[in-house]
C-alpha atoms as a PDB file:
ATOM      1  CA  MET A   1      -2.307   2.369 -13.044  1.00  0.00           C
ATOM      2  CA  GLU A   2      -2.858   2.026  -9.293  1.00  0.00           C
ATOM      3  CA  GLN A   3      -2.238  -1.727  -9.501  1.00  0.00           C
ATOM      4  CA  GLN A   4       1.076  -1.083 -11.294  1.00  0.00           C
ATOM      5  CA  ASP A   5       2.079   1.469  -8.643  1.00  0.00           C
ATOM      6  CA  ASP A   6       1.268  -1.060  -5.900  1.00  0.00           C
ATOM      7  CA  SER A   7       3.322  -3.682  -7.712  1.00  0.00           C
ATOM      8  CA  GLN A   8       6.351  -1.391  -7.712  1.00  0.00           C
ATOM      9  CA  ALA A   9       5.720  -0.462  -4.059  1.00  0.00           C
ATOM     10  CA  ILE A  10       5.596  -4.164  -3.098  1.00  0.00           C
ATOM     11  CA  ALA A  11       8.948  -4.669  -4.812  1.00  0.00           C
ATOM     12  CA  ARG A  12      10.429  -1.780  -2.794  1.00  0.00           C
ATOM     13  CA  LEU A  13       8.900  -3.172   0.402  1.00  0.00           C
ATOM     14  CA  HIS A  14      10.433  -6.589  -0.280  1.00  0.00           C
ATOM     15  CA  GLU A  15      13.832  -5.015  -0.895  1.00  0.00           C
ATOM     16  CA  SER A  16      13.604  -2.903   2.280  1.00  0.00           C
ATOM     17  CA  PHE A  17      12.663  -5.845   4.482  1.00  0.00           C
ATOM     18  CA  THR A  18      15.360  -8.060   2.961  1.00  0.00           C
ATOM     19  CA  HIS A  19      17.873  -5.372   3.953  1.00  0.00           C
ATOM     20  CA  LEU A  20      16.239  -5.116   7.386  1.00  0.00           C
ATOM     21  CA  ARG A  21      16.670  -8.851   7.974  1.00  0.00           C
ATOM     22  CA  GLN A  22      20.350  -8.546   7.101  1.00  0.00           C
ATOM     23  CA  GLU A  23      20.796  -5.745   9.631  1.00  0.00           C
ATOM     24  CA  LEU A  24      19.011  -7.725  12.359  1.00  0.00           C
ATOM     25  CA  ALA A  25      21.206 -10.751  11.633  1.00  0.00           C
ATOM     26  CA  LYS A  26      24.283  -8.712  12.592  1.00  0.00           C
ATOM     27  CA  ALA A  27      23.206  -8.684  16.246  1.00  0.00           C
ATOM     28  CA  VAL A  28      20.636 -11.503  16.508  1.00  0.00           C
ATOM     29  CA  ILE A  29      21.897 -14.968  15.584  1.00  0.00           C
ATOM     30  CA  GLY A  30      19.277 -17.462  14.437  1.00  0.00           C
ATOM     31  CA  GLN A  31      15.621 -17.055  15.458  1.00  0.00           C
ATOM     32  CA  GLN A  32      14.603 -16.524  11.818  1.00  0.00           C
ATOM     33  CA  GLN A  33      11.023 -17.595  12.451  1.00  0.00           C
ATOM     34  CA  VAL A  34      10.716 -15.244  15.438  1.00  0.00           C
ATOM     35  CA  VAL A  35      12.120 -12.360  13.383  1.00  0.00           C
ATOM     36  CA  GLU A  36       9.699 -13.086  10.544  1.00  0.00           C
ATOM     37  CA  GLN A  37       6.699 -13.131  12.873  1.00  0.00           C
ATOM     38  CA  LEU A  38       7.731  -9.849  14.514  1.00  0.00           C
ATOM     39  CA  LEU A  39       8.132  -8.160  11.130  1.00  0.00           C
ATOM     40  CA  VAL A  40       4.783  -9.490   9.891  1.00  0.00           C
ATOM     41  CA  ALA A  41       2.987  -8.269  13.021  1.00  0.00           C
ATOM     42  CA  MET A  42       4.646  -4.858  12.866  1.00  0.00           C
ATOM     43  CA  LEU A  43       3.751  -4.415   9.201  1.00  0.00           C
ATOM     44  CA  ALA A  44       0.163  -5.476   9.902  1.00  0.00           C
ATOM     45  CA  GLY A  45      -0.107  -2.976  12.767  1.00  0.00           C
ATOM     46  CA  GLY A  46      -0.418  -5.613  15.501  1.00  0.00           C
ATOM     47  CA  HIS A  47       1.305  -6.268  18.819  1.00  0.00           C
ATOM     48  CA  CYS A  48       3.251  -9.354  19.933  1.00  0.00           C
ATOM     49  CA  LEU A  49       3.547 -11.419  23.095  1.00  0.00           C
ATOM     50  CA  LEU A  50       6.951 -13.139  23.275  1.00  0.00           C
ATOM     51  CA  VAL A  51       7.099 -16.260  25.430  1.00  0.00           C
ATOM     52  CA  GLY A  52      10.455 -17.802  26.290  1.00  0.00           C
ATOM     53  CA  VAL A  53      12.823 -18.589  29.124  1.00  0.00           C
ATOM     54  CA  PRO A  54      15.324 -15.912  30.243  1.00  0.00           C
ATOM     55  CA  GLY A  55      18.515 -15.401  28.268  1.00  0.00           C
ATOM     56  CA  LEU A  56      17.176 -15.992  24.759  1.00  0.00           C
ATOM     57  CA  ALA A  57      17.921 -12.418  23.582  1.00  0.00           C
ATOM     58  CA  LYS A  58      14.310 -11.212  23.543  1.00  0.00           C
ATOM     59  CA  THR A  59      15.330  -7.743  24.738  1.00  0.00           C
ATOM     60  CA  LEU A  60      18.273  -7.635  22.325  1.00  0.00           C
ATOM     61  CA  LEU A  61      15.996  -8.569  19.441  1.00  0.00           C
ATOM     62  CA  VAL A  62      13.470  -5.836  20.226  1.00  0.00           C
ATOM     63  CA  ARG A  63      16.128  -3.182  20.807  1.00  0.00           C
ATOM     64  CA  THR A  64      17.928  -4.116  17.573  1.00  0.00           C
ATOM     65  CA  LEU A  65      14.648  -3.987  15.659  1.00  0.00           C
ATOM     66  CA  ALA A  66      14.015  -0.453  16.944  1.00  0.00           C
ATOM     67  CA  GLU A  67      17.551   0.614  15.970  1.00  0.00           C
ATOM     68  CA  ALA A  68      17.284  -0.898  12.502  1.00  0.00           C
ATOM     69  CA  LEU A  69      13.973   0.898  11.984  1.00  0.00           C
ATOM     70  CA  SER A  70      15.243   4.237  13.266  1.00  0.00           C
ATOM     71  CA  LEU A  71      12.431   4.318  15.802  1.00  0.00           C
ATOM     72  CA  ARG A  72      12.221   5.502  19.387  1.00  0.00           C
ATOM     73  CA  PHE A  73      12.582   2.542  21.762  1.00  0.00           C
ATOM     74  CA  SER A  74      11.343   2.267  25.340  1.00  0.00           C
ATOM     75  CA  ARG A  75      11.680  -0.593  27.823  1.00  0.00           C
ATOM     76  CA  ILE A  76       9.364  -1.032  30.822  1.00  0.00           C
ATOM     77  CA  GLN A  77      10.330  -3.560  33.476  1.00  0.00           C
ATOM     78  CA  PHE A  78       7.067  -4.740  35.004  1.00  0.00           C
ATOM     79  CA  THR A  79       7.129  -5.294  38.777  1.00  0.00           C
ATOM     80  CA  PRO A  80       4.415  -5.856  41.418  1.00  0.00           C
ATOM     81  CA  ASP A  81       4.654  -2.236  42.619  1.00  0.00           C
ATOM     82  CA  LEU A  82       4.420  -0.619  39.171  1.00  0.00           C
ATOM     83  CA  MET A  83       1.504   1.833  38.910  1.00  0.00           C
ATOM     84  CA  PRO A  84      -0.485   2.797  35.769  1.00  0.00           C
ATOM     85  CA  ALA A  85       0.923   6.346  35.829  1.00  0.00           C
ATOM     86  CA  ASP A  86       4.448   4.876  35.747  1.00  0.00           C
ATOM     87  CA  ILE A  87       3.597   3.644  32.254  1.00  0.00           C
ATOM     88  CA  THR A  88       1.255   6.205  30.769  1.00  0.00           C
ATOM     89  CA  GLY A  89       2.584   9.368  32.414  1.00  0.00           C
ATOM     90  CA  THR A  90       1.291  11.797  35.019  1.00  0.00           C
ATOM     91  CA  GLU A  91       0.286  15.415  35.511  1.00  0.00           C
ATOM     92  CA  VAL A  92       2.481  17.670  37.647  1.00  0.00           C
ATOM     93  CA  ILE A  93       1.945  21.221  38.918  1.00  0.00           C
ATOM     94  CA  GLN A  94       4.357  23.795  37.512  1.00  0.00           C
ATOM     95  CA  HIS A  95       4.756  27.520  38.119  1.00  0.00           C
ATOM     96  CA  ASP A  96       4.114  29.650  35.022  1.00  0.00           C
ATOM     97  CA  ARG A  97       6.645  32.486  35.134  1.00  0.00           C
ATOM     98  CA  ASP A  98       4.661  34.714  32.765  1.00  0.00           C
ATOM     99  CA  SER A  99       1.269  34.580  34.486  1.00  0.00           C
ATOM    100  CA  GLY A 100       2.453  33.667  37.957  1.00  0.00           C
ATOM    101  CA  GLU A 101      -0.153  30.899  38.095  1.00  0.00           C
ATOM    102  CA  ARG A 102       0.272  27.240  38.892  1.00  0.00           C
ATOM    103  CA  VAL A 103      -0.654  25.045  35.940  1.00  0.00           C
ATOM    104  CA  PHE A 104      -0.865  21.332  35.308  1.00  0.00           C
ATOM    105  CA  ARG A 105       1.543  19.852  32.787  1.00  0.00           C
ATOM    106  CA  PHE A 106       1.457  16.307  31.466  1.00  0.00           C
ATOM    107  CA  LEU A 107       4.734  14.388  31.623  1.00  0.00           C
ATOM    108  CA  PRO A 108       4.580  11.505  29.107  1.00  0.00           C
ATOM    109  CA  GLY A 109       5.475   8.042  30.391  1.00  0.00           C
ATOM    110  CA  PRO A 110       7.605   5.390  28.683  1.00  0.00           C
ATOM    111  CA  VAL A 111       4.627   4.194  26.633  1.00  0.00           C
ATOM    112  CA  PHE A 112       5.154   7.269  24.414  1.00  0.00           C
ATOM    113  CA  ALA A 113       7.563   5.526  22.048  1.00  0.00           C
ATOM    114  CA  ASN A 114       7.365   3.742  18.706  1.00  0.00           C
ATOM    115  CA  VAL A 115       8.583   0.368  19.969  1.00  0.00           C
ATOM    116  CA  VAL A 116       7.707  -0.478  23.576  1.00  0.00           C
ATOM    117  CA  LEU A 117       9.161  -3.559  25.273  1.00  0.00           C
ATOM    118  CA  ALA A 118       6.922  -4.598  28.170  1.00  0.00           C
ATOM    119  CA  ASP A 119       9.264  -6.927  30.025  1.00  0.00           C
ATOM    120  CA  GLU A 120       7.575  -9.676  32.094  1.00  0.00           C
ATOM    121  CA  ILE A 121       4.099  -8.205  31.737  1.00  0.00           C
ATOM    122  CA  ASN A 122       2.629 -10.920  33.957  1.00  0.00           C
ATOM    123  CA  ARG A 123       4.608  -9.677  36.979  1.00  0.00           C
ATOM    124  CA  THR A 124       2.451  -6.576  37.496  1.00  0.00           C
ATOM    125  CA  PRO A 125      -1.123  -6.370  38.849  1.00  0.00           C
ATOM    126  CA  PRO A 126      -4.132  -6.271  36.494  1.00  0.00           C
ATOM    127  CA  LYS A 127      -4.716  -2.527  36.969  1.00  0.00           C
ATOM    128  CA  THR A 128      -1.287  -1.711  35.544  1.00  0.00           C
ATOM    129  CA  GLN A 129      -1.601  -4.352  32.816  1.00  0.00           C
ATOM    130  CA  ALA A 130      -4.902  -2.786  31.782  1.00  0.00           C
ATOM    131  CA  ALA A 131      -3.300   0.659  31.464  1.00  0.00           C
ATOM    132  CA  LEU A 132      -0.862  -0.648  28.868  1.00  0.00           C
ATOM    133  CA  LEU A 133      -3.434  -2.755  27.067  1.00  0.00           C
ATOM    134  CA  GLU A 134      -5.815   0.204  26.832  1.00  0.00           C
ATOM    135  CA  ALA A 135      -3.051   2.266  25.250  1.00  0.00           C
ATOM    136  CA  MET A 136      -2.406  -0.599  22.815  1.00  0.00           C
ATOM    137  CA  GLN A 137      -6.040  -0.708  21.763  1.00  0.00           C
ATOM    138  CA  GLU A 138      -6.897   2.995  21.687  1.00  0.00           C
ATOM    139  CA  ARG A 139      -3.442   4.301  20.646  1.00  0.00           C
ATOM    140  CA  GLN A 140      -3.909   7.131  23.142  1.00  0.00           C
ATOM    141  CA  VAL A 141      -3.653   7.985  26.836  1.00  0.00           C
ATOM    142  CA  THR A 142      -6.181  10.059  28.795  1.00  0.00           C
ATOM    143  CA  ALA A 143      -4.956  12.136  31.746  1.00  0.00           C
ATOM    144  CA  GLY A 144      -6.802  14.933  33.480  1.00  0.00           C
ATOM    145  CA  GLY A 145      -9.575  14.715  30.910  1.00  0.00           C
ATOM    146  CA  GLN A 146      -7.137  15.367  28.055  1.00  0.00           C
ATOM    147  CA  ARG A 147      -6.360  12.884  25.300  1.00  0.00           C
ATOM    148  CA  HIS A 148      -2.719  12.387  24.388  1.00  0.00           C
ATOM    149  CA  VAL A 149      -2.178  10.532  21.113  1.00  0.00           C
ATOM    150  CA  LEU A 150       0.627   7.978  21.036  1.00  0.00           C
ATOM    151  CA  PRO A 151       3.295   8.222  18.326  1.00  0.00           C
ATOM    152  CA  SER A 152       2.856   6.347  15.083  1.00  0.00           C
ATOM    153  CA  PRO A 153       3.834   3.658  14.361  1.00  0.00           C
ATOM    154  CA  PHE A 154       3.187   2.138  17.781  1.00  0.00           C
ATOM    155  CA  PHE A 155       4.325  -1.435  18.387  1.00  0.00           C
ATOM    156  CA  VAL A 156       4.202  -3.231  21.756  1.00  0.00           C
ATOM    157  CA  LEU A 157       6.200  -6.376  22.420  1.00  0.00           C
ATOM    158  CA  ALA A 158       5.436  -7.939  25.786  1.00  0.00           C
ATOM    159  CA  THR A 159       7.454 -10.809  27.249  1.00  0.00           C
ATOM    160  CA  GLN A 160       6.429 -13.609  29.573  1.00  0.00           C
ATOM    161  CA  ASN A 161       8.544 -16.194  31.360  1.00  0.00           C
ATOM    162  CA  PRO A 162       6.769 -19.582  31.043  1.00  0.00           C
ATOM    163  CA  ILE A 163       8.732 -21.156  33.913  1.00  0.00           C
ATOM    164  CA  GLU A 164       8.113 -19.044  37.018  1.00  0.00           C
ATOM    165  CA  GLN A 165       4.420 -18.686  37.841  1.00  0.00           C
ATOM    166  CA  GLU A 166       4.620 -17.785  41.545  1.00  0.00           C
ATOM    167  CA  GLY A 167       3.817 -14.154  42.248  1.00  0.00           C
ATOM    168  CA  THR A 168       2.556 -13.543  38.713  1.00  0.00           C
ATOM    169  CA  TYR A 169      -0.704 -12.174  37.344  1.00  0.00           C
ATOM    170  CA  PRO A 170      -1.628 -14.095  34.166  1.00  0.00           C
ATOM    171  CA  LEU A 171      -3.228 -11.957  31.480  1.00  0.00           C
ATOM    172  CA  PRO A 172      -6.993 -12.544  31.145  1.00  0.00           C
ATOM    173  CA  GLU A 173      -8.142 -14.114  27.893  1.00  0.00           C
ATOM    174  CA  ALA A 174      -9.848 -10.893  26.757  1.00  0.00           C
ATOM    175  CA  GLN A 175      -6.572  -9.012  27.121  1.00  0.00           C
ATOM    176  CA  LEU A 176      -4.519 -11.750  25.471  1.00  0.00           C
ATOM    177  CA  ASP A 177      -6.813 -11.356  22.475  1.00  0.00           C
ATOM    178  CA  ARG A 178      -5.415  -7.843  21.908  1.00  0.00           C
ATOM    179  CA  PHE A 179      -2.058  -9.324  20.894  1.00  0.00           C
ATOM    180  CA  MET A 180      -1.940 -10.234  17.225  1.00  0.00           C
ATOM    181  CA  PHE A 181       0.714 -12.941  17.728  1.00  0.00           C
ATOM    182  CA  GLU A 182       2.002 -15.052  20.564  1.00  0.00           C
ATOM    183  CA  VAL A 183       5.574 -15.781  19.487  1.00  0.00           C
ATOM    184  CA  LEU A 184       7.454 -18.706  21.030  1.00  0.00           C
ATOM    185  CA  VAL A 185      11.174 -18.009  21.469  1.00  0.00           C
ATOM    186  CA  ASP A 186      12.975 -21.351  21.658  1.00  0.00           C
ATOM    187  CA  TYR A 187      16.533 -22.405  22.500  1.00  0.00           C
ATOM    188  CA  PRO A 188      19.129 -21.900  19.725  1.00  0.00           C
ATOM    189  CA  SER A 189      20.593 -24.808  17.779  1.00  0.00           C
ATOM    190  CA  ASP A 190      24.082 -26.115  18.527  1.00  0.00           C
ATOM    191  CA  GLU A 191      25.735 -24.074  15.754  1.00  0.00           C
ATOM    192  CA  GLU A 192      23.723 -20.961  16.623  1.00  0.00           C
ATOM    193  CA  GLU A 193      24.683 -21.167  20.288  1.00  0.00           C
ATOM    194  CA  LEU A 194      28.350 -21.537  19.332  1.00  0.00           C
ATOM    195  CA  ALA A 195      28.105 -18.382  17.192  1.00  0.00           C
ATOM    196  CA  ILE A 196      26.283 -16.535  19.999  1.00  0.00           C
ATOM    197  CA  VAL A 197      28.954 -17.358  22.557  1.00  0.00           C
ATOM    198  CA  LYS A 198      31.785 -16.359  20.211  1.00  0.00           C
ATOM    199  CA  GLN A 199      30.107 -13.058  19.241  1.00  0.00           C
ATOM    200  CA  THR A 200      29.130 -12.007  22.768  1.00  0.00           C
ATOM    201  CA  THR A 201      32.465 -12.814  24.428  1.00  0.00           C
ATOM    202  CA  CYS A 202      34.693 -10.769  22.145  1.00  0.00           C
ATOM    203  CA  ASP A 203      35.515  -7.054  22.305  1.00  0.00           C
ATOM    204  CA  ALA A 204      33.762  -6.000  19.079  1.00  0.00           C
ATOM    205  CA  ALA A 205      30.067  -5.102  19.198  1.00  0.00           C
ATOM    206  CA  PRO A 206      27.932  -5.358  16.038  1.00  0.00           C
ATOM    207  CA  ARG A 207      26.636  -2.048  14.667  1.00  0.00           C
ATOM    208  CA  VAL A 208      23.209  -1.909  13.097  1.00  0.00           C
ATOM    209  CA  THR A 209      22.474   0.633  10.365  1.00  0.00           C
ATOM    210  CA  PRO A 210      18.966   2.171  10.324  1.00  0.00           C
ATOM    211  CA  THR A 211      17.128   1.100   7.195  1.00  0.00           C
ATOM    212  CA  LEU A 212      13.530   2.310   7.540  1.00  0.00           C
ATOM    213  CA  ALA A 213      11.953   5.459   8.967  1.00  0.00           C
ATOM    214  CA  ALA A 214       8.578   5.841  10.697  1.00  0.00           C
ATOM    215  CA  ASP A 215       6.834   7.400   7.694  1.00  0.00           C
ATOM    216  CA  GLN A 216       7.985   4.551   5.426  1.00  0.00           C
ATOM    217  CA  ILE A 217       6.620   1.944   7.841  1.00  0.00           C
ATOM    218  CA  GLU A 218       3.279   3.746   7.898  1.00  0.00           C
ATOM    219  CA  ARG A 219       3.116   3.827   4.100  1.00  0.00           C
ATOM    220  CA  TYR A 220       3.977   0.144   3.916  1.00  0.00           C
ATOM    221  CA  GLY A 221       1.272  -0.597   6.489  1.00  0.00           C
ATOM    222  CA  HIS A 222      -1.355   1.008   4.241  1.00  0.00           C
ATOM    223  CA  LEU A 223       0.083  -0.879   1.276  1.00  0.00           C
ATOM    224  CA  VAL A 224      -0.322  -4.222   3.071  1.00  0.00           C
ATOM    225  CA  ARG A 225      -4.053  -3.638   3.486  1.00  0.00           C
ATOM    226  CA  ARG A 226      -4.347  -3.211  -0.294  1.00  0.00           C
ATOM    227  CA  VAL A 227      -2.757  -6.603  -1.016  1.00  0.00           C
ATOM    228  CA  PRO A 228      -5.430  -8.706  -2.795  1.00  0.00           C
ATOM    229  CA  ILE A 229      -6.701 -11.904  -1.215  1.00  0.00           C
ATOM    230  CA  ALA A 230      -9.147 -14.300  -2.883  1.00  0.00           C
ATOM    231  CA  ASP A 231     -12.470 -15.184  -1.255  1.00  0.00           C
ATOM    232  CA  HIS A 232     -11.572 -18.867  -0.969  1.00  0.00           C
ATOM    233  CA  VAL A 233      -8.407 -17.951   0.968  1.00  0.00           C
ATOM    234  CA  VAL A 234     -10.439 -15.819   3.379  1.00  0.00           C
ATOM    235  CA  ARG A 235     -12.926 -18.671   3.776  1.00  0.00           C
ATOM    236  CA  TYR A 236     -10.063 -21.036   4.581  1.00  0.00           C
ATOM    237  CA  ALA A 237      -9.001 -18.674   7.383  1.00  0.00           C
ATOM    238  CA  LEU A 238     -12.572 -18.514   8.656  1.00  0.00           C
ATOM    239  CA  GLN A 239     -12.881 -22.293   8.655  1.00  0.00           C
ATOM    240  CA  LEU A 240      -9.700 -22.679  10.711  1.00  0.00           C
ATOM    241  CA  VAL A 241     -11.011 -20.223  13.298  1.00  0.00           C
ATOM    242  CA  ARG A 242     -14.557 -21.576  13.425  1.00  0.00           C
ATOM    243  CA  GLN A 243     -13.262 -25.106  14.014  1.00  0.00           C
ATOM    244  CA  THR A 244     -11.750 -23.944  17.321  1.00  0.00           C
ATOM    245  CA  ARG A 245     -15.183 -23.177  18.808  1.00  0.00           C
ATOM    246  CA  ALA A 246     -16.565 -26.020  20.924  1.00  0.00           C
ATOM    247  CA  GLY A 247     -20.286 -26.641  20.586  1.00  0.00           C
ATOM    248  CA  ARG A 248     -20.417 -25.319  17.026  1.00  0.00           C
ATOM    249  CA  PRO A 249     -21.290 -27.490  13.985  1.00  0.00           C
ATOM    250  CA  GLU A 250     -17.816 -26.914  12.474  1.00  0.00           C
ATOM    251  CA  ALA A 251     -15.986 -28.148  15.582  1.00  0.00           C
ATOM    252  CA  GLY A 252     -14.358 -31.555  15.348  1.00  0.00           C
ATOM    253  CA  GLU A 253     -13.871 -34.258  17.964  1.00  0.00           C
ATOM    254  CA  THR A 254     -10.590 -32.810  19.271  1.00  0.00           C
ATOM    255  CA  THR A 255     -12.129 -29.379  19.817  1.00  0.00           C
ATOM    256  CA  ALA A 256     -15.207 -30.825  21.504  1.00  0.00           C
ATOM    257  CA  ARG A 257     -13.061 -32.869  23.864  1.00  0.00           C
ATOM    258  CA  TYR A 258     -10.288 -30.449  24.777  1.00  0.00           C
ATOM    259  CA  VAL A 259     -11.417 -26.851  24.147  1.00  0.00           C
ATOM    260  CA  THR A 260     -13.440 -24.652  26.499  1.00  0.00           C
ATOM    261  CA  TRP A 261     -13.383 -21.465  24.420  1.00  0.00           C
ATOM    262  CA  GLY A 262     -12.199 -20.942  20.877  1.00  0.00           C
ATOM    263  CA  ALA A 263     -10.952 -17.978  18.901  1.00  0.00           C
ATOM    264  CA  GLY A 264     -13.154 -14.978  18.105  1.00  0.00           C
ATOM    265  CA  PRO A 265     -13.511 -12.903  14.927  1.00  0.00           C
ATOM    266  CA  ARG A 266     -10.337 -10.955  15.735  1.00  0.00           C
ATOM    267  CA  ALA A 267      -8.396 -14.155  14.974  1.00  0.00           C
ATOM    268  CA  SER A 268      -9.888 -14.260  11.464  1.00  0.00           C
ATOM    269  CA  GLN A 269      -8.940 -10.616  10.911  1.00  0.00           C
ATOM    270  CA  TYR A 270      -5.372 -11.200  12.063  1.00  0.00           C
ATOM    271  CA  LEU A 271      -5.018 -14.350   9.943  1.00  0.00           C
ATOM    272  CA  VAL A 272      -5.912 -12.363   6.835  1.00  0.00           C
ATOM    273  CA  LEU A 273      -3.821  -9.311   7.781  1.00  0.00           C
ATOM    274  CA  GLY A 274      -0.857 -11.517   8.714  1.00  0.00           C
ATOM    275  CA  ALA A 275      -1.137 -13.400   5.417  1.00  0.00           C
ATOM    276  CA  LYS A 276      -1.164 -10.124   3.480  1.00  0.00           C
ATOM    277  CA  ALA A 277       1.871  -8.804   5.370  1.00  0.00           C
ATOM    278  CA  ARG A 278       3.810 -12.043   4.877  1.00  0.00           C
ATOM    279  CA  ALA A 279       3.072 -12.037   1.144  1.00  0.00           C
ATOM    280  CA  ALA A 280       4.230  -8.410   0.837  1.00  0.00           C
ATOM    281  CA  ILE A 281       7.458  -9.079   2.746  1.00  0.00           C
ATOM    282  CA  GLU A 282       8.228 -11.929   0.348  1.00  0.00           C
ATOM    283  CA  GLY A 283       7.524  -9.682  -2.631  1.00  0.00           C
ATOM    284  CA  ARG A 284       4.302 -11.378  -3.755  1.00  0.00           C
ATOM    285  CA  LEU A 285       1.317  -9.415  -5.048  1.00  0.00           C
ATOM    286  CA  PHE A 286      -1.411 -11.530  -3.403  1.00  0.00           C
ATOM    287  CA  ALA A 287      -1.908 -13.554  -0.218  1.00  0.00           C
ATOM    288  CA  SER A 288      -2.280 -17.330  -0.445  1.00  0.00           C
ATOM    289  CA  ILE A 289      -3.476 -20.207   1.715  1.00  0.00           C
ATOM    290  CA  ASP A 290       0.182 -20.981   2.496  1.00  0.00           C
ATOM    291  CA  ASP A 291       0.426 -17.526   4.079  1.00  0.00           C
ATOM    292  CA  ILE A 292      -2.661 -18.247   6.208  1.00  0.00           C
ATOM    293  CA  ARG A 293      -1.140 -21.543   7.364  1.00  0.00           C
ATOM    294  CA  ALA A 294       2.192 -19.855   8.149  1.00  0.00           C
ATOM    295  CA  VAL A 295       0.615 -17.379  10.586  1.00  0.00           C
ATOM    296  CA  ALA A 296      -2.024 -19.738  12.029  1.00  0.00           C
ATOM    297  CA  ARG A 297       0.060 -20.905  15.006  1.00  0.00           C
ATOM    298  CA  PRO A 298       1.037 -17.491  16.427  1.00  0.00           C
ATOM    299  CA  VAL A 299      -2.472 -16.138  15.802  1.00  0.00           C
ATOM    300  CA  LEU A 300      -4.422 -19.026  17.335  1.00  0.00           C
ATOM    301  CA  ARG A 301      -2.281 -20.505  20.132  1.00  0.00           C
ATOM    302  CA  HIS A 302      -3.207 -17.875  22.751  1.00  0.00           C
ATOM    303  CA  ARG A 303      -6.834 -17.704  21.668  1.00  0.00           C
ATOM    304  CA  ILE A 304      -7.640 -21.376  22.296  1.00  0.00           C
ATOM    305  CA  ILE A 305      -8.556 -22.015  25.940  1.00  0.00           C
ATOM    306  CA  THR A 306      -8.110 -25.691  26.783  1.00  0.00           C
ATOM    307  CA  ASN A 307      -9.895 -27.582  29.571  1.00  0.00           C
ATOM    308  CA  PHE A 308      -8.859 -29.990  32.322  1.00  0.00           C
ATOM    309  CA  SER A 309      -9.048 -32.984  29.986  1.00  0.00           C
ATOM    310  CA  ALA A 310      -6.428 -31.377  27.743  1.00  0.00           C
ATOM    311  CA  GLU A 311      -4.169 -30.743  30.739  1.00  0.00           C
ATOM    312  CA  ALA A 312      -4.589 -34.329  31.930  1.00  0.00           C
ATOM    313  CA  ASP A 313      -3.790 -35.749  28.490  1.00  0.00           C
ATOM    314  CA  GLY A 314      -0.939 -33.315  27.838  1.00  0.00           C
ATOM    315  CA  VAL A 315      -2.687 -31.705  24.873  1.00  0.00           C
ATOM    316  CA  THR A 316      -1.604 -28.099  24.244  1.00  0.00           C
ATOM    317  CA  ALA A 317      -3.196 -25.334  22.200  1.00  0.00           C
ATOM    318  CA  ASP A 318      -0.335 -25.716  19.701  1.00  0.00           C
ATOM    319  CA  ALA A 319      -1.164 -29.401  19.275  1.00  0.00           C
ATOM    320  CA  ILE A 320      -4.802 -28.510  18.573  1.00  0.00           C
ATOM    321  CA  VAL A 321      -3.761 -25.944  15.942  1.00  0.00           C
ATOM    322  CA  GLU A 322      -1.474 -28.542  14.302  1.00  0.00           C
ATOM    323  CA  GLU A 323      -4.367 -31.010  14.183  1.00  0.00           C
ATOM    324  CA  LEU A 324      -6.640 -28.386  12.617  1.00  0.00           C
ATOM    325  CA  LEU A 325      -4.040 -27.594   9.943  1.00  0.00           C
ATOM    326  CA  GLU A 326      -3.596 -31.291   9.151  1.00  0.00           C
ATOM    327  CA  ARG A 327      -7.289 -32.110   8.789  1.00  0.00           C
ATOM    328  CA  THR A 328      -8.369 -28.909   7.010  1.00  0.00           C
ATOM    329  CA  PRO A 329      -7.715 -29.485   3.316  1.00  0.00           C
ATOM    330  CA  VAL A 330      -6.135 -26.671   1.316  1.00  0.00           C
ATOM    331  CA  GLY A 331      -9.256 -26.501  -0.870  1.00  0.00           C
ATOM    332  CA  ALA A 332     -11.524 -26.193   2.174  1.00  0.00           C
ATOM    333  CA  GLY A 333     -12.380 -22.609   1.400  1.00  0.00           C
ATOM    334  CA  GLY A 334     -14.047 -23.592  -1.811  1.00  0.00           C
ATOM    335  CA  GLY A 335     -12.251 -22.884  -5.051  1.00  0.00           C
ATOM    336  CA  GLY A 336      -8.824 -24.433  -4.249  1.00  0.00           C
END
């Protein structure tokens, strides 16, 4: 009976997310792969790091997603002088009219939202970066010894500009690992850019209709974790991750030559969760190896640390992931 209920719930989830895509397409032209990866990460309860040059509608995409989900949206522009309290909130002294005493009151910061856009996260010092990343991990903020729970769902999308590196503070590898996906936002195609220019230079602005509420997203998130996945599919995910670790028996020649550090167990968890979420969005009742392969690039690209030889030969983390996907047979998990 429970399996039948889940089957019907998956069908409703698929219908809801199909409608959500249609609403997003009203304001965001193209970028279908980026949209899919954001929706998969959100449904799996993960956070995203968006990497792309300025002007590719990253902010528009995030704001439209929040509107279409009927969620509270907050944007934080990261700058070198931004302090942790500017993000998390601070305590202020207020006069209590009834007792006549001065009391501390916590004023929540912009992180207290459902969808938080952390714009140019690498432009602020590590202390402020850590404040946001701690909130991402713990889903709470501590001030004055008191814990303040963040709203649910809680989804952080941080952006980075890959061009300008002067005056920036790159995220340490351990903090990058807290992002489920690193999503590459590329230039639009010729036809897409034509449509963008026509839409953004006219007087009419697209209106997005809210399609999902916070409680529905939470229910769907629990549903995703119940999506079945076969052992051989999980083993395929594990093999992909373990092949990124230099010095290990599973590592191939490319990894041994170009990789300093590979992906940890969190990558395996996110591969499986991402595969489950992708299957549910497409209306399927189980996750497959194709789902693992579809989410492998955004899960692994920021978890593979390349060395000087890779830089000298022009070998990127993406190229290493592509090579792993090519040489790992679909039946590698055992059982096809």
